[in-house]
N, C-alpha and C. Protein backbone atom coordinates (compact mmCIF):
# COMPACT_ATOMS: atom_id res chain seq x y z
N MET A 1 19.20 -4.02 -144.89
CA MET A 1 19.67 -2.66 -144.92
C MET A 1 20.71 -2.47 -143.82
N LEU A 2 21.78 -1.77 -144.13
CA LEU A 2 22.86 -1.51 -143.20
C LEU A 2 22.45 -0.41 -142.24
N GLN A 3 22.57 -0.66 -140.92
CA GLN A 3 22.21 0.35 -139.94
C GLN A 3 23.37 1.30 -139.72
N GLN A 4 23.04 2.56 -139.56
CA GLN A 4 24.04 3.57 -139.25
C GLN A 4 24.42 3.44 -137.78
N PRO A 5 25.68 3.64 -137.44
CA PRO A 5 26.05 3.62 -136.03
C PRO A 5 25.35 4.76 -135.31
N ARG A 6 24.98 4.51 -134.06
CA ARG A 6 24.26 5.51 -133.29
C ARG A 6 25.18 6.67 -132.95
N GLN A 7 24.66 7.88 -133.10
CA GLN A 7 25.38 9.08 -132.72
C GLN A 7 24.98 9.45 -131.30
N PHE A 8 25.93 9.72 -130.45
CA PHE A 8 25.65 10.06 -129.07
C PHE A 8 25.75 11.56 -128.88
N SER A 9 24.85 12.08 -128.05
CA SER A 9 24.92 13.48 -127.70
C SER A 9 26.09 13.70 -126.76
N PHE A 10 26.43 14.94 -126.57
CA PHE A 10 27.50 15.28 -125.63
C PHE A 10 27.18 14.72 -124.25
N LEU A 11 25.94 14.87 -123.82
CA LEU A 11 25.56 14.41 -122.49
C LEU A 11 25.64 12.89 -122.38
N GLU A 12 25.18 12.17 -123.40
CA GLU A 12 25.29 10.71 -123.39
C GLU A 12 26.75 10.27 -123.34
N SER A 13 27.58 10.92 -124.13
CA SER A 13 29.01 10.58 -124.14
C SER A 13 29.63 10.84 -122.77
N THR A 14 29.23 11.93 -122.14
CA THR A 14 29.74 12.26 -120.82
C THR A 14 29.30 11.21 -119.80
N ILE A 15 28.05 10.77 -119.88
CA ILE A 15 27.54 9.76 -118.95
C ILE A 15 28.27 8.43 -119.16
N TYR A 16 28.48 8.03 -120.42
CA TYR A 16 29.24 6.81 -120.69
C TYR A 16 30.65 6.89 -120.09
N ALA A 17 31.29 8.05 -120.25
CA ALA A 17 32.63 8.23 -119.69
C ALA A 17 32.58 8.16 -118.16
N MET A 18 31.54 8.73 -117.57
CA MET A 18 31.37 8.70 -116.12
C MET A 18 31.21 7.26 -115.65
N MET A 19 30.42 6.48 -116.35
CA MET A 19 30.20 5.08 -116.00
C MET A 19 31.50 4.29 -116.13
N ASP A 20 32.25 4.57 -117.18
CA ASP A 20 33.52 3.88 -117.40
C ASP A 20 34.51 4.23 -116.29
N GLU A 21 34.59 5.50 -115.94
CA GLU A 21 35.51 5.95 -114.89
C GLU A 21 35.15 5.34 -113.53
N ALA A 22 33.86 5.09 -113.33
CA ALA A 22 33.41 4.49 -112.07
C ALA A 22 33.66 2.99 -112.03
N GLY A 23 34.17 2.45 -113.14
CA GLY A 23 34.50 1.03 -113.17
C GLY A 23 33.38 0.14 -113.68
N LEU A 24 32.42 0.72 -114.36
CA LEU A 24 31.30 -0.07 -114.86
C LEU A 24 31.47 -0.51 -116.30
N SER A 25 32.67 -0.38 -116.84
CA SER A 25 32.89 -0.75 -118.24
C SER A 25 32.74 -2.24 -118.48
N ALA A 26 32.76 -3.04 -117.41
CA ALA A 26 32.57 -4.49 -117.56
C ALA A 26 31.11 -4.87 -117.81
N MET A 27 30.20 -3.93 -117.57
CA MET A 27 28.79 -4.21 -117.85
C MET A 27 28.59 -4.34 -119.35
N SER A 28 27.60 -5.11 -119.72
CA SER A 28 27.30 -5.24 -121.14
C SER A 28 26.76 -3.91 -121.67
N GLU A 29 26.89 -3.72 -122.96
CA GLU A 29 26.38 -2.51 -123.59
C GLU A 29 24.87 -2.41 -123.38
N GLU A 30 24.20 -3.55 -123.43
CA GLU A 30 22.75 -3.56 -123.22
C GLU A 30 22.39 -3.05 -121.82
N THR A 31 23.12 -3.48 -120.82
CA THR A 31 22.87 -3.03 -119.45
C THR A 31 23.18 -1.54 -119.31
N MET A 32 24.29 -1.12 -119.88
CA MET A 32 24.64 0.30 -119.83
C MET A 32 23.56 1.14 -120.50
N ASN A 33 23.05 0.66 -121.62
CA ASN A 33 22.00 1.39 -122.33
C ASN A 33 20.69 1.46 -121.54
N GLN A 34 20.46 0.48 -120.68
CA GLN A 34 19.26 0.52 -119.84
C GLN A 34 19.36 1.63 -118.79
N PHE A 35 20.56 1.85 -118.27
CA PHE A 35 20.76 2.87 -117.25
C PHE A 35 20.93 4.28 -117.84
N LEU A 36 21.37 4.36 -119.07
CA LEU A 36 21.70 5.65 -119.68
C LEU A 36 20.58 6.68 -119.58
N PRO A 37 19.34 6.37 -119.96
CA PRO A 37 18.29 7.40 -119.89
C PRO A 37 18.08 7.97 -118.47
N GLN A 38 18.22 7.12 -117.46
CA GLN A 38 18.04 7.59 -116.09
C GLN A 38 19.17 8.55 -115.70
N PHE A 39 20.39 8.22 -116.07
CA PHE A 39 21.51 9.08 -115.71
C PHE A 39 21.50 10.38 -116.52
N VAL A 40 21.09 10.32 -117.78
CA VAL A 40 20.98 11.53 -118.59
C VAL A 40 19.91 12.44 -117.99
N ALA A 41 18.77 11.87 -117.61
CA ALA A 41 17.69 12.66 -117.00
C ALA A 41 18.17 13.32 -115.71
N GLU A 42 18.91 12.59 -114.91
CA GLU A 42 19.43 13.17 -113.65
C GLU A 42 20.42 14.28 -113.94
N ALA A 43 21.28 14.10 -114.92
CA ALA A 43 22.24 15.15 -115.29
C ALA A 43 21.50 16.39 -115.80
N GLU A 44 20.49 16.20 -116.63
CA GLU A 44 19.70 17.32 -117.14
C GLU A 44 19.00 18.05 -115.99
N ARG A 45 18.46 17.29 -115.04
CA ARG A 45 17.77 17.89 -113.89
C ARG A 45 18.75 18.75 -113.09
N ARG A 46 19.93 18.22 -112.85
CA ARG A 46 20.91 18.96 -112.06
C ARG A 46 21.38 20.23 -112.78
N ILE A 47 21.60 20.13 -114.07
CA ILE A 47 22.03 21.30 -114.83
C ILE A 47 20.91 22.34 -114.84
N GLY A 48 19.68 21.89 -115.05
CA GLY A 48 18.54 22.82 -115.03
C GLY A 48 18.41 23.54 -113.70
N LEU A 49 18.60 22.82 -112.61
CA LEU A 49 18.54 23.44 -111.28
C LEU A 49 19.67 24.45 -111.09
N ALA A 50 20.84 24.11 -111.58
CA ALA A 50 21.98 25.04 -111.48
C ALA A 50 21.70 26.32 -112.25
N TYR A 51 21.09 26.19 -113.42
CA TYR A 51 20.75 27.37 -114.22
C TYR A 51 19.67 28.20 -113.56
N THR A 52 18.60 27.55 -113.13
CA THR A 52 17.47 28.30 -112.57
C THR A 52 17.85 29.00 -111.27
N ALA A 53 18.83 28.47 -110.55
CA ALA A 53 19.28 29.13 -109.33
C ALA A 53 19.89 30.50 -109.61
N LEU A 54 20.32 30.72 -110.83
CA LEU A 54 20.96 31.98 -111.21
C LEU A 54 20.00 32.98 -111.85
N LEU A 55 18.76 32.56 -112.10
CA LEU A 55 17.80 33.41 -112.81
C LEU A 55 16.95 34.23 -111.84
N ASP A 56 16.62 35.44 -112.26
CA ASP A 56 15.64 36.20 -111.50
C ASP A 56 14.25 35.68 -111.88
N GLU A 57 13.21 36.25 -111.30
CA GLU A 57 11.86 35.72 -111.53
C GLU A 57 11.47 35.75 -113.01
N LYS A 58 11.77 36.85 -113.70
CA LYS A 58 11.43 36.93 -115.13
C LYS A 58 12.21 35.90 -115.94
N GLY A 59 13.47 35.74 -115.62
CA GLY A 59 14.29 34.75 -116.32
C GLY A 59 13.79 33.34 -116.08
N ALA A 60 13.38 33.05 -114.86
CA ALA A 60 12.87 31.71 -114.54
C ALA A 60 11.57 31.44 -115.30
N GLU A 61 10.71 32.44 -115.38
CA GLU A 61 9.46 32.28 -116.14
C GLU A 61 9.74 32.06 -117.62
N ALA A 62 10.70 32.81 -118.16
CA ALA A 62 11.07 32.65 -119.57
C ALA A 62 11.68 31.28 -119.82
N PHE A 63 12.47 30.80 -118.87
CA PHE A 63 13.09 29.48 -118.99
C PHE A 63 12.02 28.39 -118.99
N ALA A 64 11.07 28.50 -118.10
CA ALA A 64 9.97 27.53 -118.05
C ALA A 64 9.14 27.58 -119.33
N ALA A 65 8.93 28.76 -119.86
CA ALA A 65 8.14 28.91 -121.08
C ALA A 65 8.80 28.22 -122.27
N LEU A 66 10.13 28.16 -122.27
CA LEU A 66 10.85 27.48 -123.36
C LEU A 66 10.41 26.02 -123.50
N PHE A 67 10.09 25.40 -122.38
CA PHE A 67 9.81 23.97 -122.37
C PHE A 67 8.33 23.63 -122.42
N GLU A 68 7.48 24.63 -122.61
CA GLU A 68 6.04 24.38 -122.67
C GLU A 68 5.60 23.77 -123.99
N GLY A 69 6.26 24.11 -125.06
CA GLY A 69 5.88 23.59 -126.37
C GLY A 69 6.56 22.28 -126.68
N ASP A 70 6.10 21.66 -127.74
CA ASP A 70 6.68 20.39 -128.18
C ASP A 70 7.86 20.58 -129.13
N ASP A 71 7.98 21.75 -129.69
CA ASP A 71 8.97 21.96 -130.75
C ASP A 71 10.12 22.87 -130.32
N ILE A 72 10.59 22.67 -129.12
CA ILE A 72 11.73 23.45 -128.65
C ILE A 72 12.99 23.02 -129.40
N SER A 73 13.77 23.99 -129.78
CA SER A 73 14.99 23.66 -130.52
C SER A 73 16.21 23.92 -129.66
N PRO A 74 17.27 23.18 -129.90
CA PRO A 74 18.52 23.43 -129.17
C PRO A 74 19.01 24.87 -129.37
N ALA A 75 18.75 25.44 -130.55
CA ALA A 75 19.17 26.82 -130.81
C ALA A 75 18.42 27.80 -129.90
N ASP A 76 17.13 27.53 -129.64
CA ASP A 76 16.36 28.38 -128.74
C ASP A 76 16.92 28.32 -127.33
N ILE A 77 17.25 27.12 -126.89
CA ILE A 77 17.80 26.96 -125.54
C ILE A 77 19.15 27.66 -125.44
N GLN A 78 19.99 27.47 -126.43
CA GLN A 78 21.31 28.09 -126.41
C GLN A 78 21.18 29.61 -126.41
N ALA A 79 20.29 30.16 -127.22
CA ALA A 79 20.10 31.61 -127.26
C ALA A 79 19.65 32.14 -125.90
N PHE A 80 18.73 31.41 -125.26
CA PHE A 80 18.26 31.81 -123.94
C PHE A 80 19.42 31.80 -122.95
N LEU A 81 20.18 30.73 -122.94
CA LEU A 81 21.28 30.61 -121.99
C LEU A 81 22.33 31.70 -122.20
N GLU A 82 22.65 31.98 -123.44
CA GLU A 82 23.63 33.02 -123.74
C GLU A 82 23.16 34.38 -123.23
N ALA A 83 21.84 34.60 -123.27
CA ALA A 83 21.28 35.88 -122.84
C ALA A 83 21.10 35.98 -121.33
N HIS A 84 20.83 34.87 -120.67
CA HIS A 84 20.42 34.91 -119.26
C HIS A 84 21.33 34.22 -118.26
N VAL A 85 22.22 33.36 -118.71
CA VAL A 85 23.06 32.60 -117.78
C VAL A 85 24.53 32.76 -118.18
N PRO A 86 25.19 33.75 -117.57
CA PRO A 86 26.61 33.92 -117.90
C PRO A 86 27.39 32.63 -117.58
N LYS A 87 28.30 32.31 -118.43
CA LYS A 87 29.16 31.13 -118.26
C LYS A 87 28.36 29.83 -118.13
N TYR A 88 27.27 29.70 -118.88
CA TYR A 88 26.43 28.51 -118.76
C TYR A 88 27.18 27.22 -119.08
N GLN A 89 28.14 27.27 -119.98
CA GLN A 89 28.89 26.06 -120.32
C GLN A 89 29.77 25.62 -119.14
N THR A 90 30.37 26.57 -118.46
CA THR A 90 31.19 26.26 -117.29
C THR A 90 30.32 25.70 -116.18
N ILE A 91 29.15 26.28 -115.99
CA ILE A 91 28.22 25.80 -114.97
C ILE A 91 27.81 24.36 -115.27
N ALA A 92 27.49 24.08 -116.51
CA ALA A 92 27.10 22.71 -116.89
C ALA A 92 28.25 21.74 -116.66
N GLN A 93 29.46 22.12 -117.04
CA GLN A 93 30.61 21.23 -116.86
C GLN A 93 30.89 20.98 -115.39
N ASN A 94 30.81 22.03 -114.57
CA ASN A 94 31.03 21.86 -113.13
C ASN A 94 29.96 20.97 -112.51
N THR A 95 28.73 21.14 -112.96
CA THR A 95 27.63 20.31 -112.46
C THR A 95 27.85 18.85 -112.84
N LEU A 96 28.27 18.60 -114.06
CA LEU A 96 28.55 17.24 -114.50
C LEU A 96 29.74 16.64 -113.75
N ASN A 97 30.74 17.45 -113.48
CA ASN A 97 31.90 16.96 -112.71
C ASN A 97 31.48 16.55 -111.31
N ASP A 98 30.62 17.37 -110.69
CA ASP A 98 30.13 17.02 -109.35
C ASP A 98 29.30 15.74 -109.39
N PHE A 99 28.46 15.62 -110.40
CA PHE A 99 27.63 14.41 -110.56
C PHE A 99 28.53 13.19 -110.72
N ALA A 100 29.58 13.31 -111.52
CA ALA A 100 30.49 12.19 -111.76
C ALA A 100 31.18 11.77 -110.46
N LYS A 101 31.59 12.75 -109.64
CA LYS A 101 32.24 12.42 -108.36
C LYS A 101 31.27 11.67 -107.45
N GLU A 102 30.03 12.17 -107.36
CA GLU A 102 29.02 11.51 -106.53
C GLU A 102 28.74 10.09 -107.03
N PHE A 103 28.65 9.96 -108.35
CA PHE A 103 28.38 8.67 -108.96
C PHE A 103 29.50 7.68 -108.64
N LYS A 104 30.73 8.13 -108.80
CA LYS A 104 31.89 7.26 -108.55
C LYS A 104 31.92 6.83 -107.09
N THR A 105 31.62 7.75 -106.18
CA THR A 105 31.58 7.42 -104.76
C THR A 105 30.49 6.41 -104.46
N ALA A 106 29.32 6.61 -105.05
CA ALA A 106 28.20 5.69 -104.81
C ALA A 106 28.52 4.30 -105.33
N VAL A 107 29.12 4.21 -106.50
CA VAL A 107 29.47 2.90 -107.06
C VAL A 107 30.51 2.22 -106.18
N ALA A 108 31.47 2.98 -105.69
CA ALA A 108 32.52 2.40 -104.84
C ALA A 108 31.93 1.86 -103.54
N GLU A 109 30.90 2.51 -103.02
CA GLU A 109 30.27 2.05 -101.78
C GLU A 109 29.48 0.75 -102.01
N ILE A 110 29.00 0.53 -103.21
CA ILE A 110 28.23 -0.68 -103.55
C ILE A 110 29.17 -1.89 -103.65
N GLU A 111 30.34 -1.66 -104.21
CA GLU A 111 31.27 -2.77 -104.46
C GLU A 111 31.86 -3.31 -103.23
């Protein structure tokens, strides 16, 4: 059976671009894929912290409640963000840009 090519999320694509920009494109795809979940988790953590820093107590409780169930949908998250976090897309992009700068600096220090 022919396998479908893997579809990457926006965050995964951003992390791959970050790794490439840091000069890690020479790594094998297998090695890059081993690191990907860790970097995606770190990016998600940073974005979540950036969002929660802008929420009042009720908003923070509502945000935490979103993640209590197993069947959270991206539409639910987006609706919450649109209602409670002005400019959430800009905040996420700025957070990712900062993460990419830190990552590039850290990689340069290793080399």
